[in-house]
Amino acid sequence: MTGEATFYGVYIPWLLVLAVVAWGLCWGARRLLGSLGVYRWVWHAALFDTALYVLVLFVLTRLTAPGGFFS
C-alpha cells in the first residue's frame, strides 16, 4: 500500500485512491442498508456511517498490503 499512483503524470498517494474507493463502496452500502430499513435499528446514523467507512477503508488497505490480509 506504500507509494503513489500516477494519473496522467500526477502523483497521488495510494491511500487517497483507496479512500475514494472506500467512499464509493460505503455510499452503495448506505443506499442498500437504507432501503432494507437497517437504519431504523441504528442509534446514531452518522456514527454508524463513519464506522462503516473506517472498516471498509481498513479492509481495503489490508487487502492491498504487500503481504496480503494476514501479514
N, C-alpha and C. Protein backbone atom coordinates (compact mmCIF):
# COMPACT_ATOMS: atom_id res chain seq x y z
N MET A 1 0.81 -1.18 0.00
CA MET A 1 0.00 0.00 0.00
C MET A 1 0.86 1.25 0.00
N THR A 2 2.14 1.12 0.11
CA THR A 2 3.00 2.29 0.11
C THR A 2 3.23 2.75 -1.31
N GLY A 3 3.57 4.01 -1.44
CA GLY A 3 3.88 4.55 -2.75
C GLY A 3 2.78 5.44 -3.28
N GLU A 4 2.91 5.70 -4.56
CA GLU A 4 1.96 6.58 -5.21
C GLU A 4 1.40 5.92 -6.46
N ALA A 5 0.27 6.42 -6.86
CA ALA A 5 -0.32 6.05 -8.15
C ALA A 5 -0.17 7.27 -9.04
N THR A 6 0.04 7.05 -10.31
CA THR A 6 0.18 8.17 -11.23
C THR A 6 -0.98 8.17 -12.22
N PHE A 7 -1.59 9.32 -12.36
CA PHE A 7 -2.66 9.52 -13.33
C PHE A 7 -2.29 10.69 -14.22
N TYR A 8 -1.91 10.37 -15.46
CA TYR A 8 -1.50 11.38 -16.44
C TYR A 8 -0.38 12.26 -15.90
N GLY A 9 0.57 11.65 -15.24
CA GLY A 9 1.73 12.37 -14.75
C GLY A 9 1.55 13.03 -13.39
N VAL A 10 0.40 12.93 -12.79
CA VAL A 10 0.15 13.50 -11.47
C VAL A 10 0.23 12.37 -10.45
N TYR A 11 1.11 12.54 -9.47
CA TYR A 11 1.27 11.52 -8.44
C TYR A 11 0.25 11.72 -7.33
N ILE A 12 -0.45 10.65 -7.02
CA ILE A 12 -1.49 10.69 -5.99
C ILE A 12 -1.16 9.62 -4.97
N PRO A 13 -1.21 9.95 -3.68
CA PRO A 13 -0.94 8.91 -2.67
C PRO A 13 -1.91 7.75 -2.79
N TRP A 14 -1.37 6.55 -2.61
CA TRP A 14 -2.19 5.36 -2.75
C TRP A 14 -3.34 5.34 -1.75
N LEU A 15 -3.12 5.89 -0.55
CA LEU A 15 -4.18 5.93 0.45
C LEU A 15 -5.35 6.79 -0.02
N LEU A 16 -5.08 7.85 -0.76
CA LEU A 16 -6.16 8.69 -1.30
C LEU A 16 -7.00 7.90 -2.30
N VAL A 17 -6.36 7.11 -3.12
CA VAL A 17 -7.08 6.27 -4.08
C VAL A 17 -7.98 5.29 -3.34
N LEU A 18 -7.43 4.65 -2.30
CA LEU A 18 -8.23 3.70 -1.52
C LEU A 18 -9.35 4.40 -0.77
N ALA A 19 -9.12 5.63 -0.30
CA ALA A 19 -10.16 6.37 0.41
C ALA A 19 -11.33 6.69 -0.52
N VAL A 20 -11.04 7.02 -1.75
CA VAL A 20 -12.11 7.31 -2.72
C VAL A 20 -12.89 6.04 -3.04
N VAL A 21 -12.19 4.93 -3.19
CA VAL A 21 -12.86 3.64 -3.45
C VAL A 21 -13.73 3.26 -2.25
N ALA A 22 -13.20 3.45 -1.03
CA ALA A 22 -13.97 3.13 0.17
C ALA A 22 -15.19 4.02 0.28
N TRP A 23 -15.06 5.28 -0.10
CA TRP A 23 -16.22 6.19 -0.07
C TRP A 23 -17.30 5.69 -1.02
N GLY A 24 -16.91 5.26 -2.20
CA GLY A 24 -17.89 4.74 -3.15
C GLY A 24 -18.57 3.48 -2.66
N LEU A 25 -17.79 2.58 -2.07
CA LEU A 25 -18.38 1.36 -1.52
C LEU A 25 -19.33 1.66 -0.37
N CYS A 26 -18.96 2.61 0.47
CA CYS A 26 -19.82 2.97 1.60
C CYS A 26 -21.09 3.67 1.13
N TRP A 27 -20.97 4.45 0.09
CA TRP A 27 -22.16 5.11 -0.46
C TRP A 27 -23.17 4.05 -0.93
N GLY A 28 -22.67 3.04 -1.64
CA GLY A 28 -23.55 1.97 -2.08
C GLY A 28 -24.12 1.17 -0.92
N ALA A 29 -23.28 0.92 0.09
CA ALA A 29 -23.75 0.18 1.26
C ALA A 29 -24.80 0.97 2.03
N ARG A 30 -24.63 2.30 2.14
CA ARG A 30 -25.64 3.11 2.83
C ARG A 30 -26.96 3.09 2.09
N ARG A 31 -26.90 3.14 0.77
CA ARG A 31 -28.14 3.07 -0.02
C ARG A 31 -28.83 1.73 0.18
N LEU A 32 -28.05 0.66 0.18
CA LEU A 32 -28.62 -0.67 0.37
C LEU A 32 -29.18 -0.83 1.77
N LEU A 33 -28.43 -0.42 2.79
CA LEU A 33 -28.91 -0.55 4.16
C LEU A 33 -30.13 0.33 4.41
N GLY A 34 -30.16 1.50 3.79
CA GLY A 34 -31.32 2.37 3.93
C GLY A 34 -32.57 1.77 3.31
N SER A 35 -32.40 1.13 2.15
CA SER A 35 -33.57 0.53 1.50
C SER A 35 -34.05 -0.72 2.24
N LEU A 36 -33.14 -1.38 2.95
CA LEU A 36 -33.52 -2.56 3.74
C LEU A 36 -34.10 -2.19 5.10
N GLY A 37 -34.01 -0.93 5.49
CA GLY A 37 -34.56 -0.48 6.76
C GLY A 37 -33.66 -0.73 7.96
N VAL A 38 -32.37 -0.89 7.73
CA VAL A 38 -31.44 -1.15 8.82
C VAL A 38 -31.29 0.08 9.71
N TYR A 39 -31.42 1.26 9.14
CA TYR A 39 -31.21 2.49 9.91
C TYR A 39 -32.30 2.73 10.96
N ARG A 40 -33.37 1.98 10.92
CA ARG A 40 -34.37 2.07 11.99
C ARG A 40 -33.83 1.54 13.29
N TRP A 41 -32.85 0.63 13.21
CA TRP A 41 -32.28 -0.01 14.40
C TRP A 41 -30.97 0.64 14.84
N VAL A 42 -30.51 1.65 14.11
CA VAL A 42 -29.24 2.32 14.42
C VAL A 42 -29.52 3.53 15.29
N TRP A 43 -28.75 3.66 16.37
CA TRP A 43 -28.96 4.76 17.30
C TRP A 43 -28.51 6.10 16.71
N HIS A 44 -27.32 6.13 16.11
CA HIS A 44 -26.77 7.38 15.59
C HIS A 44 -26.25 7.09 14.18
N ALA A 45 -26.98 7.53 13.19
CA ALA A 45 -26.66 7.17 11.80
C ALA A 45 -25.29 7.69 11.36
N ALA A 46 -24.92 8.90 11.79
CA ALA A 46 -23.64 9.45 11.37
C ALA A 46 -22.47 8.65 11.97
N LEU A 47 -22.58 8.23 13.21
CA LEU A 47 -21.54 7.40 13.81
C LEU A 47 -21.47 6.04 13.12
N PHE A 48 -22.59 5.50 12.79
CA PHE A 48 -22.64 4.21 12.09
C PHE A 48 -21.98 4.33 10.72
N ASP A 49 -22.28 5.41 9.99
CA ASP A 49 -21.69 5.61 8.67
C ASP A 49 -20.18 5.81 8.77
N THR A 50 -19.72 6.55 9.77
CA THR A 50 -18.29 6.76 9.96
C THR A 50 -17.58 5.45 10.28
N ALA A 51 -18.18 4.65 11.16
CA ALA A 51 -17.59 3.36 11.50
C ALA A 51 -17.57 2.43 10.28
N LEU A 52 -18.60 2.46 9.49
CA LEU A 52 -18.65 1.64 8.29
C LEU A 52 -17.54 2.06 7.33
N TYR A 53 -17.34 3.37 7.15
CA TYR A 53 -16.28 3.86 6.28
C TYR A 53 -14.91 3.44 6.77
N VAL A 54 -14.66 3.58 8.06
CA VAL A 54 -13.36 3.21 8.62
C VAL A 54 -13.11 1.72 8.43
N LEU A 55 -14.11 0.90 8.66
CA LEU A 55 -13.94 -0.54 8.48
C LEU A 55 -13.69 -0.92 7.02
N VAL A 56 -14.40 -0.31 6.12
CA VAL A 56 -14.19 -0.60 4.70
C VAL A 56 -12.81 -0.14 4.26
N LEU A 57 -12.38 1.03 4.71
CA LEU A 57 -11.04 1.51 4.36
C LEU A 57 -9.97 0.61 4.95
N PHE A 58 -10.17 0.12 6.18
CA PHE A 58 -9.21 -0.79 6.79
C PHE A 58 -9.10 -2.08 5.98
N VAL A 59 -10.23 -2.64 5.58
CA VAL A 59 -10.21 -3.88 4.81
C VAL A 59 -9.52 -3.66 3.46
N LEU A 60 -9.78 -2.54 2.82
CA LEU A 60 -9.13 -2.26 1.54
C LEU A 60 -7.63 -2.11 1.69
N THR A 61 -7.19 -1.44 2.74
CA THR A 61 -5.75 -1.27 2.93
C THR A 61 -5.08 -2.60 3.26
N ARG A 62 -5.77 -3.45 4.01
CA ARG A 62 -5.18 -4.76 4.33
C ARG A 62 -5.17 -5.67 3.10
N LEU A 63 -6.17 -5.57 2.26
CA LEU A 63 -6.20 -6.40 1.05
C LEU A 63 -5.14 -5.99 0.05
N THR A 64 -4.79 -4.72 0.01
CA THR A 64 -3.79 -4.24 -0.95
C THR A 64 -2.40 -4.19 -0.35
N ALA A 65 -2.23 -4.64 0.88
CA ALA A 65 -0.91 -4.67 1.51
C ALA A 65 -0.03 -5.68 0.78
N PRO A 66 1.29 -5.45 0.76
CA PRO A 66 2.18 -6.36 0.01
C PRO A 66 2.12 -7.81 0.48
N GLY A 67 1.94 -8.05 1.78
CA GLY A 67 1.92 -9.42 2.28
C GLY A 67 0.55 -10.05 2.32
N GLY A 68 -0.48 -9.33 1.93
CA GLY A 68 -1.83 -9.86 1.98
C GLY A 68 -2.56 -9.42 3.25
N PHE A 69 -3.69 -10.03 3.50
CA PHE A 69 -4.55 -9.59 4.60
C PHE A 69 -3.98 -9.92 5.97
N PHE A 70 -3.35 -11.07 6.12
CA PHE A 70 -2.93 -11.54 7.44
C PHE A 70 -1.44 -11.31 7.71
N SER A 71 -0.82 -10.40 7.01
CA SER A 71 0.63 -10.18 7.25
C SER A 71 0.87 -9.25 8.42
